[in-house]
Amino acid sequence: IDAVSGIVNRGCHNPPCGTGELDGRMERSDNFNKVLDAFFGGVIPQVTAPITVTETSDTSDSLTESNPSSAVSTPIPTRQPVSPSSEAGLVLNSDTFVNLAQALDDSKGDIDSKLFLYLTPDYQWIPSSVYRYDDFFESVRIMASEGVAGKRLYIGEDVEDGHIFGLVNMAAFLAQSMKETIQYDACDENSWDLIGGKYPLSNACGQLGQSYQDYHCSDEEKHMECPVDPNMSITAVTHAKWYGAPGPLFCGPKTEYSFTGIWDHLYECNRPWANPPETCSVYEGQKAGKYDNSAPYANN
């Protein structure tokens, strides 16, 4: 798990490796063990059959839909029909995927109630409103059978109990997700880079000295690179929720924003007694803060 965490967090399997120490080593390791406990009930799985190393994995569906058992209910996603004889159909009907799907379904309650949790501003762990089992499983199904750019989710081996290898691989993945995003109930990047005690709105363009629009894919992955659209406008869906937390990141054309200022996280916006009265209206549940575009303020 430390090697996987290093690749995700630092770009190498044995940090430190030029980019620094592994961030959150113990949290990621603890998360890994939590997922394994949820999948295997605290019992170390045993697989005696030999495995072979493969770049992609074929594996299946036939999982009975069940009603969400956790506090947060999400609709079951609608599926496109898949021909059993197609490449995706062969994966979804393989023993490996069928067994993996059943194991995940058996762990559904624990996944929603013990793994997909986020920490509220009041330091309470509650079920995530963004990450839910049904959506998670649909993503597993798509990534196992279709994938992206010819790369699919590894779900195990075509041997007896071979799906266990896939479950361990999934545990390593979820260990990272729980550290990076699920605990914040966020799927978009938060504005968190504090510059001179302020949160620049231009954090949307890059944080920690980065320039997101100047990133480029390697030659072999160039076909997946999105061209920069200088006229695009977009606003994030999720954001941090602590007292005064910055609103969702957003960007737009320079014709609309000649410059950008800051998010003032110290501003008391909840002032019904003021004249005129003020309320916190940037996002639901906001307690403080506001956008301040009175002067340009650069990010790092």
C-alpha atoms as a PDB file:
ATOM      1  CA  ILE A   1       0.000   0.000   0.000  1.00  0.00           C
ATOM      2  CA  ASP A   2       2.918   2.383   0.632  1.00  0.00           C
ATOM      3  CA  ALA A   3       4.099   1.805  -2.946  1.00  0.00           C
ATOM      4  CA  VAL A   4       0.642   2.526  -4.375  1.00  0.00           C
ATOM      5  CA  SER A   5       0.316   5.601  -2.166  1.00  0.00           C
ATOM      6  CA  GLY A   6       3.700   6.827  -3.337  1.00  0.00           C
ATOM      7  CA  ILE A   7       2.698   6.551  -6.995  1.00  0.00           C
ATOM      8  CA  VAL A   8      -0.558   8.440  -6.373  1.00  0.00           C
ATOM      9  CA  ASN A   9       0.870  11.125  -4.109  1.00  0.00           C
ATOM     10  CA  ARG A  10       4.471  11.540  -5.287  1.00  0.00           C
ATOM     11  CA  GLY A  11       4.739   9.823  -8.651  1.00  0.00           C
ATOM     12  CA  CYS A  12       7.055   7.034  -7.508  1.00  0.00           C
ATOM     13  CA  HIS A  13       6.694   3.758  -5.628  1.00  0.00           C
ATOM     14  CA  ASN A  14       9.416   4.490  -3.063  1.00  0.00           C
ATOM     15  CA  PRO A  15       9.190   8.116  -1.870  1.00  0.00           C
ATOM     16  CA  PRO A  16      10.899  10.406  -1.165  1.00  0.00           C
ATOM     17  CA  CYS A  17      11.826  10.670  -4.813  1.00  0.00           C
ATOM     18  CA  GLY A  18      12.505  14.286  -5.698  1.00  0.00           C
ATOM     19  CA  THR A  19       8.978  15.505  -4.985  1.00  0.00           C
ATOM     20  CA  GLY A  20       9.090  14.995  -1.230  1.00  0.00           C
ATOM     21  CA  GLU A  21       7.892  12.632   1.478  1.00  0.00           C
ATOM     22  CA  LEU A  22       4.686  10.641   1.108  1.00  0.00           C
ATOM     23  CA  ASP A  23       1.819  12.711   2.499  1.00  0.00           C
ATOM     24  CA  GLY A  24      -0.568  10.874   4.822  1.00  0.00           C
ATOM     25  CA  ARG A  25       1.259   7.539   4.822  1.00  0.00           C
ATOM     26  CA  MET A  26      -0.430   6.266   7.976  1.00  0.00           C
ATOM     27  CA  GLU A  27      -3.889   7.512   6.952  1.00  0.00           C
ATOM     28  CA  ARG A  28      -3.641   5.755   3.600  1.00  0.00           C
ATOM     29  CA  SER A  29      -2.412   2.570   5.239  1.00  0.00           C
ATOM     30  CA  ASP A  30      -5.182   2.699   7.859  1.00  0.00           C
ATOM     31  CA  ASN A  31      -7.752   3.288   5.108  1.00  0.00           C
ATOM     32  CA  PHE A  32      -6.435   0.259   3.236  1.00  0.00           C
ATOM     33  CA  ASN A  33      -6.972  -1.922   6.291  1.00  0.00           C
ATOM     34  CA  LYS A  34     -10.467  -0.489   6.832  1.00  0.00           C
ATOM     35  CA  VAL A  35     -11.457  -1.399   3.266  1.00  0.00           C
ATOM     36  CA  LEU A  36     -10.007  -4.898   3.590  1.00  0.00           C
ATOM     37  CA  ASP A  37     -11.983  -5.366   6.803  1.00  0.00           C
ATOM     38  CA  ALA A  38     -15.159  -4.238   5.052  1.00  0.00           C
ATOM     39  CA  PHE A  39     -14.542  -6.574   2.097  1.00  0.00           C
ATOM     40  CA  PHE A  40     -13.362  -9.623   4.013  1.00  0.00           C
ATOM     41  CA  GLY A  41     -14.933  -9.234   7.454  1.00  0.00           C
ATOM     42  CA  GLY A  42     -11.594  -9.033   9.239  1.00  0.00           C
ATOM     43  CA  VAL A  43     -10.474 -12.404   7.883  1.00  0.00           C
ATOM     44  CA  ILE A  44      -7.285 -12.498   5.803  1.00  0.00           C
ATOM     45  CA  PRO A  45      -8.265 -13.943   2.383  1.00  0.00           C
ATOM     46  CA  GLN A  46      -6.450 -17.028   1.148  1.00  0.00           C
ATOM     47  CA  VAL A  47      -5.748 -17.696  -2.533  1.00  0.00           C
ATOM     48  CA  THR A  48      -3.666 -20.731  -3.457  1.00  0.00           C
ATOM     49  CA  ALA A  49      -3.911 -20.617  -7.243  1.00  0.00           C
ATOM     50  CA  PRO A  50      -0.984 -19.034  -9.106  1.00  0.00           C
ATOM     51  CA  ILE A  51      -1.566 -15.774 -10.940  1.00  0.00           C
ATOM     52  CA  THR A  52      -0.164 -14.238 -14.082  1.00  0.00           C
ATOM     53  CA  VAL A  53       0.608 -10.576 -14.605  1.00  0.00           C
ATOM     54  CA  THR A  54      -1.753  -8.895 -17.071  1.00  0.00           C
ATOM     55  CA  GLU A  55      -2.104  -5.310 -18.214  1.00  0.00           C
ATOM     56  CA  THR A  56      -5.882  -5.427 -18.453  1.00  0.00           C
ATOM     57  CA  SER A  57      -8.406  -7.813 -17.050  1.00  0.00           C
ATOM     58  CA  ASP A  58     -11.509  -9.492 -18.413  1.00  0.00           C
ATOM     59  CA  THR A  59     -14.294  -9.889 -15.983  1.00  0.00           C
ATOM     60  CA  SER A  60     -19.039  -9.410 -15.126  1.00  0.00           C
ATOM     61  CA  ASP A  61     -22.482  -8.489 -14.126  1.00  0.00           C
ATOM     62  CA  SER A  62     -25.698 -10.149 -12.911  1.00  0.00           C
ATOM     63  CA  LEU A  63     -25.731  -8.338  -9.614  1.00  0.00           C
ATOM     64  CA  THR A  64     -29.209  -7.970  -8.182  1.00  0.00           C
ATOM     65  CA  GLU A  65     -30.040  -4.350  -7.469  1.00  0.00           C
ATOM     66  CA  SER A  66     -30.896  -3.699  -3.826  1.00  0.00           C
ATOM     67  CA  ASN A  67     -32.285  -0.657  -2.086  1.00  0.00           C
ATOM     68  CA  PRO A  68     -29.759   1.652  -0.427  1.00  0.00           C
ATOM     69  CA  SER A  69     -29.483   0.715   3.219  1.00  0.00           C
ATOM     70  CA  SER A  70     -27.641   3.798   4.436  1.00  0.00           C
ATOM     71  CA  ALA A  71     -28.815   7.195   5.594  1.00  0.00           C
ATOM     72  CA  VAL A  72     -28.315   8.776   2.169  1.00  0.00           C
ATOM     73  CA  SER A  73     -30.433   7.415  -0.670  1.00  0.00           C
ATOM     74  CA  THR A  74     -29.325   7.721  -4.295  1.00  0.00           C
ATOM     75  CA  PRO A  75     -31.184   6.618  -7.420  1.00  0.00           C
ATOM     76  CA  ILE A  76     -29.970   3.506  -9.227  1.00  0.00           C
ATOM     77  CA  PRO A  77     -28.196   4.637 -12.428  1.00  0.00           C
ATOM     78  CA  THR A  78     -29.811   3.609 -15.719  1.00  0.00           C
ATOM     79  CA  ARG A  79     -27.702   1.141 -17.696  1.00  0.00           C
ATOM     80  CA  GLN A  80     -27.197   0.849 -21.425  1.00  0.00           C
ATOM     81  CA  PRO A  81     -27.846  -2.677 -22.727  1.00  0.00           C
ATOM     82  CA  VAL A  82     -24.696  -4.735 -23.313  1.00  0.00           C
ATOM     83  CA  SER A  83     -24.541  -7.635 -25.758  1.00  0.00           C
ATOM     84  CA  PRO A  84     -23.336 -10.810 -23.964  1.00  0.00           C
ATOM     85  CA  SER A  85     -21.097 -11.625 -26.920  1.00  0.00           C
ATOM     86  CA  SER A  86     -19.407  -8.214 -27.009  1.00  0.00           C
ATOM     87  CA  GLU A  87     -16.043  -7.605 -25.374  1.00  0.00           C
ATOM     88  CA  ALA A  88     -17.744  -5.733 -22.535  1.00  0.00           C
ATOM     89  CA  GLY A  89     -20.363  -8.464 -22.218  1.00  0.00           C
ATOM     90  CA  LEU A  90     -17.732 -11.171 -21.901  1.00  0.00           C
ATOM     91  CA  VAL A  91     -16.106  -9.203 -19.099  1.00  0.00           C
ATOM     92  CA  LEU A  92     -19.372  -8.563 -17.276  1.00  0.00           C
ATOM     93  CA  ASN A  93     -20.419 -12.214 -17.457  1.00  0.00           C
ATOM     94  CA  SER A  94     -17.086 -13.724 -16.474  1.00  0.00           C
ATOM     95  CA  ASP A  95     -16.814 -15.609 -13.189  1.00  0.00           C
ATOM     96  CA  THR A  96     -14.223 -13.133 -11.957  1.00  0.00           C
ATOM     97  CA  PHE A  97     -16.476 -10.114 -12.255  1.00  0.00           C
ATOM     98  CA  VAL A  98     -19.587 -11.948 -11.067  1.00  0.00           C
ATOM     99  CA  ASN A  99     -17.777 -13.009  -7.897  1.00  0.00           C
ATOM    100  CA  LEU A 100     -16.277  -9.552  -7.399  1.00  0.00           C
ATOM    101  CA  ALA A 101     -19.663  -7.892  -7.903  1.00  0.00           C
ATOM    102  CA  GLN A 102     -21.289 -10.221  -5.392  1.00  0.00           C
ATOM    103  CA  ALA A 103     -18.537  -9.573  -2.851  1.00  0.00           C
ATOM    104  CA  LEU A 104     -19.007  -5.823  -3.251  1.00  0.00           C
ATOM    105  CA  ASP A 105     -22.778  -6.149  -2.933  1.00  0.00           C
ATOM    106  CA  ASP A 106     -22.338  -8.178   0.259  1.00  0.00           C
ATOM    107  CA  SER A 107     -20.216  -5.319   1.628  1.00  0.00           C
ATOM    108  CA  LYS A 108     -22.552  -2.561   0.482  1.00  0.00           C
ATOM    109  CA  GLY A 109     -23.762  -1.602   3.968  1.00  0.00           C
ATOM    110  CA  ASP A 110     -20.237  -1.311   5.329  1.00  0.00           C
ATOM    111  CA  ILE A 111     -19.044   0.603   2.279  1.00  0.00           C
ATOM    112  CA  ASP A 112     -21.720   3.268   2.715  1.00  0.00           C
ATOM    113  CA  SER A 113     -21.650   3.407   6.514  1.00  0.00           C
ATOM    114  CA  LYS A 114     -17.951   2.811   7.330  1.00  0.00           C
ATOM    115  CA  LEU A 115     -15.903   3.822   4.278  1.00  0.00           C
ATOM    116  CA  PHE A 116     -17.764   6.541   2.384  1.00  0.00           C
ATOM    117  CA  LEU A 117     -17.724   9.008   5.284  1.00  0.00           C
ATOM    118  CA  TYR A 118     -16.743  12.644   5.488  1.00  0.00           C
ATOM    119  CA  LEU A 119     -15.657  14.836   8.368  1.00  0.00           C
ATOM    120  CA  THR A 120     -18.050  17.720   9.022  1.00  0.00           C
ATOM    121  CA  PRO A 121     -16.929  21.153  10.256  1.00  0.00           C
ATOM    122  CA  ASP A 122     -18.188  19.956  13.670  1.00  0.00           C
ATOM    123  CA  TYR A 123     -15.710  17.038  13.499  1.00  0.00           C
ATOM    124  CA  GLN A 124     -18.400  14.405  13.085  1.00  0.00           C
ATOM    125  CA  TRP A 125     -17.987  11.511  10.633  1.00  0.00           C
ATOM    126  CA  ILE A 126     -21.207  11.119   8.627  1.00  0.00           C
ATOM    127  CA  PRO A 127     -22.171   9.381   5.347  1.00  0.00           C
ATOM    128  CA  SER A 128     -20.980  11.256   2.269  1.00  0.00           C
ATOM    129  CA  SER A 129     -23.593  12.983   0.138  1.00  0.00           C
ATOM    130  CA  VAL A 130     -21.357  12.683  -2.944  1.00  0.00           C
ATOM    131  CA  TYR A 131     -19.851   9.191  -2.742  1.00  0.00           C
ATOM    132  CA  ARG A 132     -22.409   6.359  -2.544  1.00  0.00           C
ATOM    133  CA  TYR A 133     -22.204   2.636  -3.213  1.00  0.00           C
ATOM    134  CA  ASP A 134     -24.593   2.476  -6.174  1.00  0.00           C
ATOM    135  CA  ASP A 135     -22.664   5.114  -8.136  1.00  0.00           C
ATOM    136  CA  PHE A 136     -19.382   3.519  -7.099  1.00  0.00           C
ATOM    137  CA  PHE A 137     -20.441   0.119  -8.406  1.00  0.00           C
ATOM    138  CA  GLU A 138     -21.625   1.544 -11.714  1.00  0.00           C
ATOM    139  CA  SER A 139     -18.211   3.149 -12.106  1.00  0.00           C
ATOM    140  CA  VAL A 140     -16.523  -0.178 -11.337  1.00  0.00           C
ATOM    141  CA  ARG A 141     -18.736  -1.861 -13.924  1.00  0.00           C
ATOM    142  CA  ILE A 142     -17.899   0.665 -16.640  1.00  0.00           C
ATOM    143  CA  MET A 143     -14.181   0.809 -15.911  1.00  0.00           C
ATOM    144  CA  ALA A 144     -13.906  -2.990 -15.788  1.00  0.00           C
ATOM    145  CA  SER A 145     -15.749  -3.607 -19.045  1.00  0.00           C
ATOM    146  CA  GLU A 146     -15.043  -0.488 -21.143  1.00  0.00           C
ATOM    147  CA  GLY A 147     -12.273   1.473 -19.463  1.00  0.00           C
ATOM    148  CA  VAL A 148     -10.666   4.639 -20.787  1.00  0.00           C
ATOM    149  CA  ALA A 149      -8.211   4.859 -23.672  1.00  0.00           C
ATOM    150  CA  GLY A 150      -7.782   1.077 -23.748  1.00  0.00           C
ATOM    151  CA  LYS A 151      -7.026   0.814 -20.031  1.00  0.00           C
ATOM    152  CA  ARG A 152      -9.426  -1.010 -17.730  1.00  0.00           C
ATOM    153  CA  LEU A 153      -9.782  -1.539 -14.013  1.00  0.00           C
ATOM    154  CA  TYR A 154      -7.900  -4.628 -12.812  1.00  0.00           C
ATOM    155  CA  ILE A 155     -10.483  -6.889 -11.156  1.00  0.00           C
ATOM    156  CA  GLY A 156      -8.566 -10.126 -10.616  1.00  0.00           C
ATOM    157  CA  GLU A 157      -7.475 -13.319 -12.315  1.00  0.00           C
ATOM    158  CA  ASP A 158      -9.253 -16.111 -14.166  1.00  0.00           C
ATOM    159  CA  VAL A 159      -8.500 -18.657 -11.426  1.00  0.00           C
ATOM    160  CA  GLU A 160     -10.411 -19.972  -8.434  1.00  0.00           C
ATOM    161  CA  ASP A 161     -11.115 -17.044  -6.076  1.00  0.00           C
ATOM    162  CA  GLY A 162      -9.213 -14.837  -8.510  1.00  0.00           C
ATOM    163  CA  HIS A 163     -11.588 -11.957  -7.813  1.00  0.00           C
ATOM    164  CA  ILE A 164      -9.856 -11.527  -4.439  1.00  0.00           C
ATOM    165  CA  PHE A 165      -6.885  -9.959  -6.214  1.00  0.00           C
ATOM    166  CA  GLY A 166      -9.312  -7.465  -7.731  1.00  0.00           C
ATOM    167  CA  LEU A 167     -10.820  -6.661  -4.335  1.00  0.00           C
ATOM    168  CA  VAL A 168      -7.364  -5.980  -2.878  1.00  0.00           C
ATOM    169  CA  ASN A 169      -6.588  -3.744  -5.848  1.00  0.00           C
ATOM    170  CA  MET A 170      -9.865  -1.912  -5.231  1.00  0.00           C
ATOM    171  CA  ALA A 171      -8.971  -1.531  -1.549  1.00  0.00           C
ATOM    172  CA  ALA A 172      -5.700   0.148  -2.543  1.00  0.00           C
ATOM    173  CA  PHE A 173      -7.654   2.521  -4.806  1.00  0.00           C
ATOM    174  CA  LEU A 174     -10.274   3.373  -2.182  1.00  0.00           C
ATOM    175  CA  ALA A 175      -7.564   3.957   0.424  1.00  0.00           C
ATOM    176  CA  GLN A 176      -6.343   6.845  -1.741  1.00  0.00           C
ATOM    177  CA  SER A 177      -9.857   8.154  -2.459  1.00  0.00           C
ATOM    178  CA  MET A 178     -10.757   8.188   1.227  1.00  0.00           C
ATOM    179  CA  LYS A 179      -7.650  10.280   1.935  1.00  0.00           C
ATOM    180  CA  GLU A 180      -7.823  12.612  -1.065  1.00  0.00           C
ATOM    181  CA  THR A 181     -11.529  13.336  -1.554  1.00  0.00           C
ATOM    182  CA  ILE A 182     -14.147  11.276   0.296  1.00  0.00           C
ATOM    183  CA  GLN A 183     -13.275  12.628   3.743  1.00  0.00           C
ATOM    184  CA  TYR A 184     -13.956  16.126   2.372  1.00  0.00           C
ATOM    185  CA  ASP A 185     -17.208  15.135   0.612  1.00  0.00           C
ATOM    186  CA  ALA A 186     -15.739  16.735  -2.500  1.00  0.00           C
ATOM    187  CA  CYS A 187     -15.213  15.662  -6.082  1.00  0.00           C
ATOM    188  CA  ASP A 188     -13.912  19.039  -7.261  1.00  0.00           C
ATOM    189  CA  GLU A 189     -10.737  20.706  -6.064  1.00  0.00           C
ATOM    190  CA  ASN A 190     -11.143  22.982  -3.052  1.00  0.00           C
ATOM    191  CA  SER A 191      -9.603  26.440  -2.869  1.00  0.00           C
ATOM    192  CA  TRP A 192      -7.070  25.918  -0.103  1.00  0.00           C
ATOM    193  CA  ASP A 193      -3.831  27.676  -1.118  1.00  0.00           C
ATOM    194  CA  LEU A 194      -3.584  30.627   1.283  1.00  0.00           C
ATOM    195  CA  ILE A 195      -1.451  33.457  -0.134  1.00  0.00           C
ATOM    196  CA  GLY A 196      -0.598  36.273   2.243  1.00  0.00           C
ATOM    197  CA  GLY A 197      -3.479  35.252   4.492  1.00  0.00           C
ATOM    198  CA  LYS A 198      -5.968  35.384   1.615  1.00  0.00           C
ATOM    199  CA  TYR A 199      -7.544  32.918  -0.820  1.00  0.00           C
ATOM    200  CA  PRO A 200      -7.017  34.218  -4.387  1.00  0.00           C
ATOM    201  CA  LEU A 201      -9.904  33.502  -6.756  1.00  0.00           C
ATOM    202  CA  SER A 202      -7.206  32.668  -9.285  1.00  0.00           C
ATOM    203  CA  ASN A 203      -6.519  29.496  -7.287  1.00  0.00           C
ATOM    204  CA  ALA A 204      -8.817  28.041  -9.925  1.00  0.00           C
ATOM    205  CA  CYS A 205      -5.964  28.530 -12.401  1.00  0.00           C
ATOM    206  CA  GLY A 206      -3.469  26.624 -10.270  1.00  0.00           C
ATOM    207  CA  GLN A 207      -2.430  26.107  -6.671  1.00  0.00           C
ATOM    208  CA  LEU A 208       1.021  25.595  -5.143  1.00  0.00           C
ATOM    209  CA  GLY A 209       2.623  27.496  -8.014  1.00  0.00           C
ATOM    210  CA  GLN A 210       1.027  25.391 -10.743  1.00  0.00           C
ATOM    211  CA  SER A 211      -0.569  26.574 -13.980  1.00  0.00           C
ATOM    212  CA  TYR A 212      -3.222  24.057 -14.909  1.00  0.00           C
ATOM    213  CA  GLN A 213      -3.749  25.273 -18.465  1.00  0.00           C
ATOM    214  CA  ASP A 214      -0.071  24.776 -19.239  1.00  0.00           C
ATOM    215  CA  TYR A 215      -0.076  21.064 -18.430  1.00  0.00           C
ATOM    216  CA  HIS A 216       0.415  18.763 -21.422  1.00  0.00           C
ATOM    217  CA  CYS A 217       0.152  15.026 -21.908  1.00  0.00           C
ATOM    218  CA  SER A 218       3.052  12.875 -23.007  1.00  0.00           C
ATOM    219  CA  ASP A 219       3.240  11.972 -26.700  1.00  0.00           C
ATOM    220  CA  GLU A 220       1.657   8.538 -26.173  1.00  0.00           C
ATOM    221  CA  GLU A 221      -1.293  10.114 -24.328  1.00  0.00           C
ATOM    222  CA  LYS A 222      -1.551  13.281 -26.430  1.00  0.00           C
ATOM    223  CA  HIS A 223      -4.835  12.072 -27.898  1.00  0.00           C
ATOM    224  CA  MET A 224      -6.454  12.488 -24.463  1.00  0.00           C
ATOM    225  CA  GLU A 225      -5.365  16.108 -24.008  1.00  0.00           C
ATOM    226  CA  CYS A 226      -8.111  18.718 -24.028  1.00  0.00           C
ATOM    227  CA  PRO A 227      -7.306  21.965 -25.852  1.00  0.00           C
ATOM    228  CA  VAL A 228      -7.592  25.144 -23.784  1.00  0.00           C
ATOM    229  CA  ASP A 229     -10.867  26.945 -24.515  1.00  0.00           C
ATOM    230  CA  PRO A 230     -10.345  30.645 -23.679  1.00  0.00           C
ATOM    231  CA  ASN A 231     -14.108  31.262 -23.863  1.00  0.00           C
ATOM    232  CA  MET A 232     -15.178  28.492 -21.512  1.00  0.00           C
ATOM    233  CA  SER A 233     -16.997  29.263 -18.267  1.00  0.00           C
ATOM    234  CA  ILE A 234     -17.353  26.606 -15.580  1.00  0.00           C
ATOM    235  CA  THR A 235     -18.051  26.469 -11.842  1.00  0.00           C
ATOM    236  CA  ALA A 236     -17.188  23.602  -9.526  1.00  0.00           C
ATOM    237  CA  VAL A 237     -19.963  21.576  -7.903  1.00  0.00           C
ATOM    238  CA  THR A 238     -18.362  20.839  -4.528  1.00  0.00           C
ATOM    239  CA  HIS A 239     -16.266  22.894  -2.128  1.00  0.00           C
ATOM    240  CA  ALA A 240     -15.034  22.954   1.462  1.00  0.00           C
ATOM    241  CA  LYS A 241     -17.646  23.511   4.182  1.00  0.00           C
ATOM    242  CA  TRP A 242     -15.792  24.844   7.222  1.00  0.00           C
ATOM    243  CA  TYR A 243     -16.686  28.215   8.755  1.00  0.00           C
ATOM    244  CA  GLY A 244     -15.838  30.820   6.114  1.00  0.00           C
ATOM    245  CA  ALA A 245     -14.679  28.222   3.576  1.00  0.00           C
ATOM    246  CA  PRO A 246     -14.117  29.561   0.042  1.00  0.00           C
ATOM    247  CA  GLY A 247     -16.927  29.057  -2.433  1.00  0.00           C
ATOM    248  CA  PRO A 248     -16.588  26.728  -5.418  1.00  0.00           C
ATOM    249  CA  LEU A 249     -13.720  27.387  -7.808  1.00  0.00           C
ATOM    250  CA  PHE A 250     -14.751  28.926 -11.127  1.00  0.00           C
ATOM    251  CA  CYS A 251     -13.179  30.238 -14.292  1.00  0.00           C
ATOM    252  CA  GLY A 252     -14.257  32.213 -17.335  1.00  0.00           C
ATOM    253  CA  PRO A 253     -12.982  34.266 -20.279  1.00  0.00           C
ATOM    254  CA  LYS A 254     -10.927  37.392 -19.676  1.00  0.00           C
ATOM    255  CA  THR A 255     -13.637  39.391 -21.410  1.00  0.00           C
ATOM    256  CA  GLU A 256     -15.816  38.532 -18.402  1.00  0.00           C
ATOM    257  CA  TYR A 257     -13.120  38.751 -15.717  1.00  0.00           C
ATOM    258  CA  SER A 258     -10.528  41.432 -16.457  1.00  0.00           C
ATOM    259  CA  PHE A 259      -9.020  40.546 -13.074  1.00  0.00           C
ATOM    260  CA  THR A 260      -9.954  38.507 -10.008  1.00  0.00           C
ATOM    261  CA  GLY A 261      -9.652  39.268  -6.336  1.00  0.00           C
ATOM    262  CA  ILE A 262     -10.010  37.102  -3.254  1.00  0.00           C
ATOM    263  CA  TRP A 263     -12.379  35.073  -1.152  1.00  0.00           C
ATOM    264  CA  ASP A 264     -12.593  36.925   2.156  1.00  0.00           C
ATOM    265  CA  HIS A 265     -12.987  34.040   4.612  1.00  0.00           C
ATOM    266  CA  LEU A 266     -13.170  36.401   7.613  1.00  0.00           C
ATOM    267  CA  TYR A 267     -16.157  38.393   6.375  1.00  0.00           C
ATOM    268  CA  GLU A 268     -19.304  37.984   8.508  1.00  0.00           C
ATOM    269  CA  CYS A 269     -22.022  37.660   5.896  1.00  0.00           C
ATOM    270  CA  ASN A 270     -24.793  36.493   8.237  1.00  0.00           C
ATOM    271  CA  ARG A 271     -26.015  39.914   9.401  1.00  0.00           C
ATOM    272  CA  PRO A 272     -29.823  40.123   9.313  1.00  0.00           C
ATOM    273  CA  TRP A 273     -29.684  43.211  11.557  1.00  0.00           C
ATOM    274  CA  ALA A 274     -27.610  45.228   9.079  1.00  0.00           C
ATOM    275  CA  ASN A 275     -29.111  47.944   6.890  1.00  0.00           C
ATOM    276  CA  PRO A 276     -29.670  46.559   4.369  1.00  0.00           C
ATOM    277  CA  PRO A 277     -29.754  43.030   5.876  1.00  0.00           C
ATOM    278  CA  GLU A 278     -27.047  40.622   4.706  1.00  0.00           C
ATOM    279  CA  THR A 279     -27.186  36.857   4.276  1.00  0.00           C
ATOM    280  CA  CYS A 280     -24.659  34.206   3.247  1.00  0.00           C
ATOM    281  CA  SER A 281     -25.873  33.201  -0.198  1.00  0.00           C
ATOM    282  CA  VAL A 282     -22.886  31.940  -2.203  1.00  0.00           C
ATOM    283  CA  TYR A 283     -23.528  28.297  -1.284  1.00  0.00           C
ATOM    284  CA  GLU A 284     -25.859  26.253   0.881  1.00  0.00           C
ATOM    285  CA  GLY A 285     -24.802  26.065   4.505  1.00  0.00           C
ATOM    286  CA  GLN A 286     -22.399  29.004   4.219  1.00  0.00           C
ATOM    287  CA  LYS A 287     -21.622  30.638   7.579  1.00  0.00           C
ATOM    288  CA  ALA A 288     -19.142  33.356   6.603  1.00  0.00           C
ATOM    289  CA  GLY A 289     -17.062  34.737   3.734  1.00  0.00           C
ATOM    290  CA  LYS A 290     -17.650  36.515   0.443  1.00  0.00           C
ATOM    291  CA  TYR A 291     -16.122  37.170  -2.981  1.00  0.00           C
ATOM    292  CA  ASP A 292     -14.121  40.406  -3.048  1.00  0.00           C
ATOM    293  CA  ASN A 293     -13.210  41.673  -6.509  1.00  0.00           C
ATOM    294  CA  SER A 294     -12.433  45.212  -5.439  1.00  0.00           C
ATOM    295  CA  ALA A 295      -8.766  44.770  -6.413  1.00  0.00           C
ATOM    296  CA  PRO A 296      -6.697  42.177  -8.315  1.00  0.00           C
ATOM    297  CA  TYR A 297      -4.918  39.588  -6.202  1.00  0.00           C
ATOM    298  CA  ALA A 298      -2.536  37.043  -7.684  1.00  0.00           C
ATOM    299  CA  ASN A 299      -2.208  33.383  -6.792  1.00  0.00           C
ATOM    300  CA  ASN A 300       1.158  31.740  -6.271  1.00  0.00           C
END
